[in-house]
Amino acid sequence: MSYPTSKKNRWEDHYSRKAKKENFPARSVYKLEEIQKKNHLIKKGDKVLDLGCFPGSWLLYAAELTGNTGEVAGIDLKPVIIPLPPHVRVYTGDILSPDDNLLQSVGKNFNVIISDMAPDTTGNRFVDSTRSFNLCEAAFSLARELLLPGGSFVCKIFQGEGFKAFSDSVKASFKKHKIFKPQSSRKASKEIYIIGIDKVRSEK
């Protein structure tokens, strides 16, 4: 599958060219790869949920890591159209307001939940960071509900309003907590990743 570019695509760089060469639909795969190499979150046979999975790069990489004995599920507002391995299933839905049918179809008892969700940006830092925070809160809500004890959570957030509060919330729910900026993130980007490792068991 080829991905069209203009003659002077200002976003094209080493990572985007590498993604094309390795048949990933987006360069974002290398952010997850960096996170994985440093933390070894996803293992063979794991059950993984990818929130905001379009266009599918994180799905493909997670599927490689879990192997055929694992299971990868994804949710996005946009349908994923690339070919996917048999152990990957994708659902079209709104993570900000998931309905019961969607949650029932997706299932639970995940080992790892990953989110590379980002809002449509406006150029207004306050508005963009607020929208990012809302997506992160939705992802974290699902992680608290669907992750197994001992599971891990990865979530992209824009630095700004709500960043510290969200980071502290994740820190309180996991035994280990990290803040990570991948080298493959664009230098101008305000994105950063909050990582929670080893989810604490609920006292319910």
C-alpha atoms as a PDB file:
ATOM      1  CA  MET A   1       0.000   0.000   0.000  1.00  0.00           C
ATOM      2  CA  SER A   2       1.403   3.416  -0.915  1.00  0.00           C
ATOM      3  CA  TYR A   3       0.719   6.703   0.816  1.00  0.00           C
ATOM      4  CA  PRO A   4       0.668   9.796  -1.431  1.00  0.00           C
ATOM      5  CA  THR A   5       2.796  12.802  -0.566  1.00  0.00           C
ATOM      6  CA  SER A   6       3.269  16.178  -2.171  1.00  0.00           C
ATOM      7  CA  LYS A   7       6.607  17.126  -3.721  1.00  0.00           C
ATOM      8  CA  LYS A   8       7.406  19.313  -0.742  1.00  0.00           C
ATOM      9  CA  ASN A   9       5.821  17.602   2.233  1.00  0.00           C
ATOM     10  CA  ARG A  10       7.177  19.563   5.199  1.00  0.00           C
ATOM     11  CA  TRP A  11       6.169  16.741   7.551  1.00  0.00           C
ATOM     12  CA  GLU A  12       8.233  14.100   5.750  1.00  0.00           C
ATOM     13  CA  ASP A  13      11.340  13.055   7.668  1.00  0.00           C
ATOM     14  CA  HIS A  14      13.489  10.016   8.447  1.00  0.00           C
ATOM     15  CA  TYR A  15      10.719   8.367  10.462  1.00  0.00           C
ATOM     16  CA  SER A  16       7.982   8.896   7.877  1.00  0.00           C
ATOM     17  CA  ARG A  17      10.217   7.476   5.139  1.00  0.00           C
ATOM     18  CA  LYS A  18      11.119   4.541   7.368  1.00  0.00           C
ATOM     19  CA  ALA A  19       7.425   3.873   8.067  1.00  0.00           C
ATOM     20  CA  LYS A  20       6.689   3.671   4.339  1.00  0.00           C
ATOM     21  CA  LYS A  21       9.618   1.319   3.805  1.00  0.00           C
ATOM     22  CA  GLU A  22       8.474  -0.962   6.640  1.00  0.00           C
ATOM     23  CA  ASN A  23       4.793  -0.851   5.552  1.00  0.00           C
ATOM     24  CA  PHE A  24       3.401   1.081   8.506  1.00  0.00           C
ATOM     25  CA  PRO A  25       0.733   3.692   7.674  1.00  0.00           C
ATOM     26  CA  ALA A  26       2.194   6.321  10.038  1.00  0.00           C
ATOM     27  CA  ARG A  27       5.496   7.287  11.662  1.00  0.00           C
ATOM     28  CA  SER A  28       3.861   7.155  15.109  1.00  0.00           C
ATOM     29  CA  VAL A  29       4.776   3.461  15.288  1.00  0.00           C
ATOM     30  CA  TYR A  30       8.310   4.419  16.306  1.00  0.00           C
ATOM     31  CA  LYS A  31       7.052   6.208  19.399  1.00  0.00           C
ATOM     32  CA  LEU A  32       5.477   2.990  20.632  1.00  0.00           C
ATOM     33  CA  GLU A  33       8.597   1.090  19.609  1.00  0.00           C
ATOM     34  CA  GLU A  34      10.740   3.379  21.790  1.00  0.00           C
ATOM     35  CA  ILE A  35       8.337   2.978  24.716  1.00  0.00           C
ATOM     36  CA  GLN A  36       8.348  -0.802  24.286  1.00  0.00           C
ATOM     37  CA  LYS A  37      12.145  -1.095  24.080  1.00  0.00           C
ATOM     38  CA  LYS A  38      12.574   0.879  27.293  1.00  0.00           C
ATOM     39  CA  ASN A  39       9.777  -0.733  29.303  1.00  0.00           C
ATOM     40  CA  HIS A  40       8.893  -4.130  27.737  1.00  0.00           C
ATOM     41  CA  LEU A  41       5.205  -3.591  28.421  1.00  0.00           C
ATOM     42  CA  ILE A  42       3.714  -5.863  25.735  1.00  0.00           C
ATOM     43  CA  LYS A  43       4.606  -9.555  25.854  1.00  0.00           C
ATOM     44  CA  LYS A  44       3.818 -12.640  23.799  1.00  0.00           C
ATOM     45  CA  GLY A  45       0.265 -13.802  24.402  1.00  0.00           C
ATOM     46  CA  ASP A  46      -0.875 -10.490  25.911  1.00  0.00           C
ATOM     47  CA  LYS A  47      -4.273  -8.932  25.375  1.00  0.00           C
ATOM     48  CA  VAL A  48      -3.865  -5.310  24.237  1.00  0.00           C
ATOM     49  CA  LEU A  49      -6.353  -2.476  23.668  1.00  0.00           C
ATOM     50  CA  ASP A  50      -5.366   0.407  21.364  1.00  0.00           C
ATOM     51  CA  LEU A  51      -7.474   3.547  21.894  1.00  0.00           C
ATOM     52  CA  GLY A  52      -7.578   5.917  18.942  1.00  0.00           C
ATOM     53  CA  CYS A  53      -6.092   3.221  16.723  1.00  0.00           C
ATOM     54  CA  PHE A  54      -6.448   4.913  13.299  1.00  0.00           C
ATOM     55  CA  PRO A  55      -4.616   4.567  10.904  1.00  0.00           C
ATOM     56  CA  GLY A  56      -3.340   1.310  12.400  1.00  0.00           C
ATOM     57  CA  SER A  57       0.423   1.531  12.981  1.00  0.00           C
ATOM     58  CA  TRP A  58       0.174   0.837  16.715  1.00  0.00           C
ATOM     59  CA  LEU A  59      -2.205  -2.057  16.013  1.00  0.00           C
ATOM     60  CA  LEU A  60       0.301  -3.679  13.663  1.00  0.00           C
ATOM     61  CA  TYR A  61       3.235  -3.240  16.037  1.00  0.00           C
ATOM     62  CA  ALA A  62       1.257  -4.484  19.039  1.00  0.00           C
ATOM     63  CA  ALA A  63       0.174  -7.503  16.982  1.00  0.00           C
ATOM     64  CA  GLU A  64       3.819  -8.314  16.234  1.00  0.00           C
ATOM     65  CA  LEU A  65       4.650  -8.155  19.941  1.00  0.00           C
ATOM     66  CA  THR A  66       1.754 -10.293  21.153  1.00  0.00           C
ATOM     67  CA  GLY A  67       2.145 -12.897  18.429  1.00  0.00           C
ATOM     68  CA  ASN A  68      -0.668 -15.155  17.230  1.00  0.00           C
ATOM     69  CA  THR A  69      -1.358 -16.339  20.781  1.00  0.00           C
ATOM     70  CA  GLY A  70      -2.224 -12.793  21.827  1.00  0.00           C
ATOM     71  CA  GLU A  71      -5.154 -10.544  21.060  1.00  0.00           C
ATOM     72  CA  VAL A  72      -5.236  -6.905  19.983  1.00  0.00           C
ATOM     73  CA  ALA A  73      -8.365  -4.741  19.900  1.00  0.00           C
ATOM     74  CA  GLY A  74      -8.667  -1.170  18.675  1.00  0.00           C
ATOM     75  CA  ILE A  75     -11.256   1.621  18.859  1.00  0.00           C
ATOM     76  CA  ASP A  76     -11.424   4.767  16.746  1.00  0.00           C
ATOM     77  CA  LEU A  77     -13.959   7.157  15.268  1.00  0.00           C
ATOM     78  CA  LYS A  78     -12.431   6.465  11.847  1.00  0.00           C
ATOM     79  CA  PRO A  79     -12.484   2.976  10.303  1.00  0.00           C
ATOM     80  CA  VAL A  80      -9.075   1.318   9.906  1.00  0.00           C
ATOM     81  CA  ILE A  81      -8.746   0.193   6.286  1.00  0.00           C
ATOM     82  CA  ILE A  82      -5.306  -1.444   6.195  1.00  0.00           C
ATOM     83  CA  PRO A  83      -4.985  -5.262   6.200  1.00  0.00           C
ATOM     84  CA  LEU A  84      -4.669  -6.592   9.760  1.00  0.00           C
ATOM     85  CA  PRO A  85      -3.590  -9.947  11.216  1.00  0.00           C
ATOM     86  CA  PRO A  86      -6.315 -12.428  12.272  1.00  0.00           C
ATOM     87  CA  HIS A  87      -5.743 -11.767  15.988  1.00  0.00           C
ATOM     88  CA  VAL A  88      -6.541  -8.041  15.594  1.00  0.00           C
ATOM     89  CA  ARG A  89     -10.109  -6.694  15.737  1.00  0.00           C
ATOM     90  CA  VAL A  90     -11.167  -3.078  15.342  1.00  0.00           C
ATOM     91  CA  TYR A  91     -14.326  -1.269  16.439  1.00  0.00           C
ATOM     92  CA  THR A  92     -15.618   2.092  15.236  1.00  0.00           C
ATOM     93  CA  GLY A  93     -16.838   4.146  18.173  1.00  0.00           C
ATOM     94  CA  ASP A  94     -16.450   7.263  20.305  1.00  0.00           C
ATOM     95  CA  ILE A  95     -14.137   6.818  23.280  1.00  0.00           C
ATOM     96  CA  LEU A  96     -15.464  10.013  24.856  1.00  0.00           C
ATOM     97  CA  SER A  97     -18.910   8.421  25.106  1.00  0.00           C
ATOM     98  CA  PRO A  98     -18.634   4.643  24.629  1.00  0.00           C
ATOM     99  CA  ASP A  99     -21.958   2.821  24.634  1.00  0.00           C
ATOM    100  CA  ASP A 100     -22.640  -0.505  26.330  1.00  0.00           C
ATOM    101  CA  ASN A 101     -22.614  -2.435  23.053  1.00  0.00           C
ATOM    102  CA  LEU A 102     -19.144  -1.160  22.211  1.00  0.00           C
ATOM    103  CA  LEU A 103     -17.741  -1.994  25.633  1.00  0.00           C
ATOM    104  CA  GLN A 104     -19.319  -5.436  25.588  1.00  0.00           C
ATOM    105  CA  SER A 105     -17.829  -6.154  22.154  1.00  0.00           C
ATOM    106  CA  VAL A 106     -14.371  -4.922  23.125  1.00  0.00           C
ATOM    107  CA  GLY A 107     -14.288  -7.004  26.300  1.00  0.00           C
ATOM    108  CA  LYS A 108     -12.056  -6.581  29.336  1.00  0.00           C
ATOM    109  CA  ASN A 109      -9.162  -8.168  31.236  1.00  0.00           C
ATOM    110  CA  PHE A 110      -6.493  -6.462  29.115  1.00  0.00           C
ATOM    111  CA  ASN A 111      -2.806  -6.698  29.984  1.00  0.00           C
ATOM    112  CA  VAL A 112      -1.935  -3.402  28.295  1.00  0.00           C
ATOM    113  CA  ILE A 113      -3.971  -0.384  27.175  1.00  0.00           C
ATOM    114  CA  ILE A 114      -2.309   2.119  24.858  1.00  0.00           C
ATOM    115  CA  SER A 115      -3.574   5.495  23.671  1.00  0.00           C
ATOM    116  CA  ASP A 116      -2.016   7.746  21.042  1.00  0.00           C
ATOM    117  CA  MET A 117      -5.183   9.842  20.790  1.00  0.00           C
ATOM    118  CA  ALA A 118      -4.875  13.523  19.946  1.00  0.00           C
ATOM    119  CA  PRO A 119      -7.580  16.129  19.398  1.00  0.00           C
ATOM    120  CA  ASP A 120      -8.047  18.110  16.219  1.00  0.00           C
ATOM    121  CA  THR A 121      -5.765  21.043  16.988  1.00  0.00           C
ATOM    122  CA  THR A 122      -6.891  24.667  16.803  1.00  0.00           C
ATOM    123  CA  GLY A 123      -3.567  26.437  17.341  1.00  0.00           C
ATOM    124  CA  ASN A 124      -4.815  27.699  20.706  1.00  0.00           C
ATOM    125  CA  ARG A 125      -2.597  26.006  23.310  1.00  0.00           C
ATOM    126  CA  PHE A 126      -5.208  26.218  26.076  1.00  0.00           C
ATOM    127  CA  VAL A 127      -7.995  24.767  23.917  1.00  0.00           C
ATOM    128  CA  ASP A 128      -5.748  22.038  22.506  1.00  0.00           C
ATOM    129  CA  SER A 129      -4.378  20.981  25.903  1.00  0.00           C
ATOM    130  CA  THR A 130      -7.908  20.930  27.365  1.00  0.00           C
ATOM    131  CA  ARG A 131      -9.158  18.710  24.545  1.00  0.00           C
ATOM    132  CA  SER A 132      -6.138  16.453  24.989  1.00  0.00           C
ATOM    133  CA  PHE A 133      -6.819  16.222  28.729  1.00  0.00           C
ATOM    134  CA  ASN A 134     -10.429  15.178  28.062  1.00  0.00           C
ATOM    135  CA  LEU A 135      -9.284  12.369  25.764  1.00  0.00           C
ATOM    136  CA  CYS A 136      -6.739  11.233  28.340  1.00  0.00           C
ATOM    137  CA  GLU A 137      -9.362  11.175  31.081  1.00  0.00           C
ATOM    138  CA  ALA A 138     -11.578   9.011  28.860  1.00  0.00           C
ATOM    139  CA  ALA A 139      -8.687   6.648  28.141  1.00  0.00           C
ATOM    140  CA  PHE A 140      -7.761   6.440  31.827  1.00  0.00           C
ATOM    141  CA  SER A 141     -11.364   5.734  32.779  1.00  0.00           C
ATOM    142  CA  LEU A 142     -11.361   2.745  30.431  1.00  0.00           C
ATOM    143  CA  ALA A 143      -7.975   1.631  31.755  1.00  0.00           C
ATOM    144  CA  ARG A 144      -9.256   1.597  35.323  1.00  0.00           C
ATOM    145  CA  GLU A 145     -12.235  -0.478  34.203  1.00  0.00           C
ATOM    146  CA  LEU A 146     -10.697  -2.853  31.655  1.00  0.00           C
ATOM    147  CA  LEU A 147      -7.083  -3.403  32.761  1.00  0.00           C
ATOM    148  CA  LEU A 148      -6.139  -6.443  34.794  1.00  0.00           C
ATOM    149  CA  PRO A 149      -4.288  -5.884  38.088  1.00  0.00           C
ATOM    150  CA  GLY A 150      -0.601  -5.742  37.176  1.00  0.00           C
ATOM    151  CA  GLY A 151      -1.433  -4.329  33.735  1.00  0.00           C
ATOM    152  CA  SER A 152       0.155  -1.317  32.042  1.00  0.00           C
ATOM    153  CA  PHE A 153      -1.166   1.918  30.530  1.00  0.00           C
ATOM    154  CA  VAL A 154       0.398   4.271  27.964  1.00  0.00           C
ATOM    155  CA  CYS A 155      -1.263   7.591  27.156  1.00  0.00           C
ATOM    156  CA  LYS A 156      -0.255  10.588  25.059  1.00  0.00           C
ATOM    157  CA  ILE A 157      -1.089  14.003  26.471  1.00  0.00           C
ATOM    158  CA  PHE A 158      -0.331  17.578  25.404  1.00  0.00           C
ATOM    159  CA  GLN A 159       1.629  19.481  28.025  1.00  0.00           C
ATOM    160  CA  GLY A 160      -0.426  22.275  29.496  1.00  0.00           C
ATOM    161  CA  GLU A 161      -3.517  22.688  31.650  1.00  0.00           C
ATOM    162  CA  GLY A 162      -4.375  19.436  33.428  1.00  0.00           C
ATOM    163  CA  PHE A 163      -1.061  17.715  32.733  1.00  0.00           C
ATOM    164  CA  LYS A 164       0.092  17.435  36.346  1.00  0.00           C
ATOM    165  CA  ALA A 165      -3.330  16.410  37.634  1.00  0.00           C
ATOM    166  CA  PHE A 166      -3.564  13.647  35.047  1.00  0.00           C
ATOM    167  CA  SER A 167      -0.014  12.469  35.699  1.00  0.00           C
ATOM    168  CA  ASP A 168      -0.705  12.333  39.445  1.00  0.00           C
ATOM    169  CA  SER A 169      -3.899  10.319  38.850  1.00  0.00           C
ATOM    170  CA  VAL A 170      -2.006   7.712  36.845  1.00  0.00           C
ATOM    171  CA  LYS A 171       0.771   7.639  39.439  1.00  0.00           C
ATOM    172  CA  ALA A 172      -1.760   6.832  42.168  1.00  0.00           C
ATOM    173  CA  SER A 173      -3.164   3.840  40.268  1.00  0.00           C
ATOM    174  CA  PHE A 174       0.084   2.101  39.287  1.00  0.00           C
ATOM    175  CA  LYS A 175       3.102   0.888  41.220  1.00  0.00           C
ATOM    176  CA  LYS A 176       5.455   2.489  38.681  1.00  0.00           C
ATOM    177  CA  HIS A 177       4.921   5.750  36.828  1.00  0.00           C
ATOM    178  CA  LYS A 178       7.000   7.338  34.070  1.00  0.00           C
ATOM    179  CA  ILE A 179       6.913  10.438  31.889  1.00  0.00           C
ATOM    180  CA  PHE A 180       8.521   9.884  28.505  1.00  0.00           C
ATOM    181  CA  LYS A 181       9.225  11.980  25.395  1.00  0.00           C
ATOM    182  CA  PRO A 182      10.201   9.744  22.449  1.00  0.00           C
ATOM    183  CA  GLN A 183      13.021  10.878  20.180  1.00  0.00           C
ATOM    184  CA  SER A 184      10.678  10.217  17.258  1.00  0.00           C
ATOM    185  CA  SER A 185       8.239  12.894  18.482  1.00  0.00           C
ATOM    186  CA  ARG A 186       8.535  16.024  16.388  1.00  0.00           C
ATOM    187  CA  LYS A 187      10.621  18.694  18.120  1.00  0.00           C
ATOM    188  CA  ALA A 188       7.840  21.274  17.909  1.00  0.00           C
ATOM    189  CA  SER A 189       5.259  18.907  19.395  1.00  0.00           C
ATOM    190  CA  LYS A 190       3.959  19.425  22.937  1.00  0.00           C
ATOM    191  CA  GLU A 191       3.051  15.757  23.219  1.00  0.00           C
ATOM    192  CA  ILE A 192       4.430  13.586  25.990  1.00  0.00           C
ATOM    193  CA  TYR A 193       3.571  10.085  27.190  1.00  0.00           C
ATOM    194  CA  ILE A 194       2.421   9.086  30.657  1.00  0.00           C
ATOM    195  CA  ILE A 195       3.209   5.457  31.437  1.00  0.00           C
ATOM    196  CA  GLY A 196       1.671   3.459  34.283  1.00  0.00           C
ATOM    197  CA  ILE A 197       3.189   0.046  35.041  1.00  0.00           C
ATOM    198  CA  ASP A 198       1.760  -2.658  37.316  1.00  0.00           C
ATOM    199  CA  LYS A 199      -1.792  -1.502  38.029  1.00  0.00           C
ATOM    200  CA  VAL A 200      -2.680  -1.750  41.710  1.00  0.00           C
ATOM    201  CA  ARG A 201      -5.541  -4.041  42.652  1.00  0.00           C
ATOM    202  CA  SER A 202      -8.850  -2.303  43.285  1.00  0.00           C
ATOM    203  CA  GLU A 203     -10.102  -2.280  46.867  1.00  0.00           C
ATOM    204  CA  LYS A 204     -13.680  -2.967  45.770  1.00  0.00           C
END
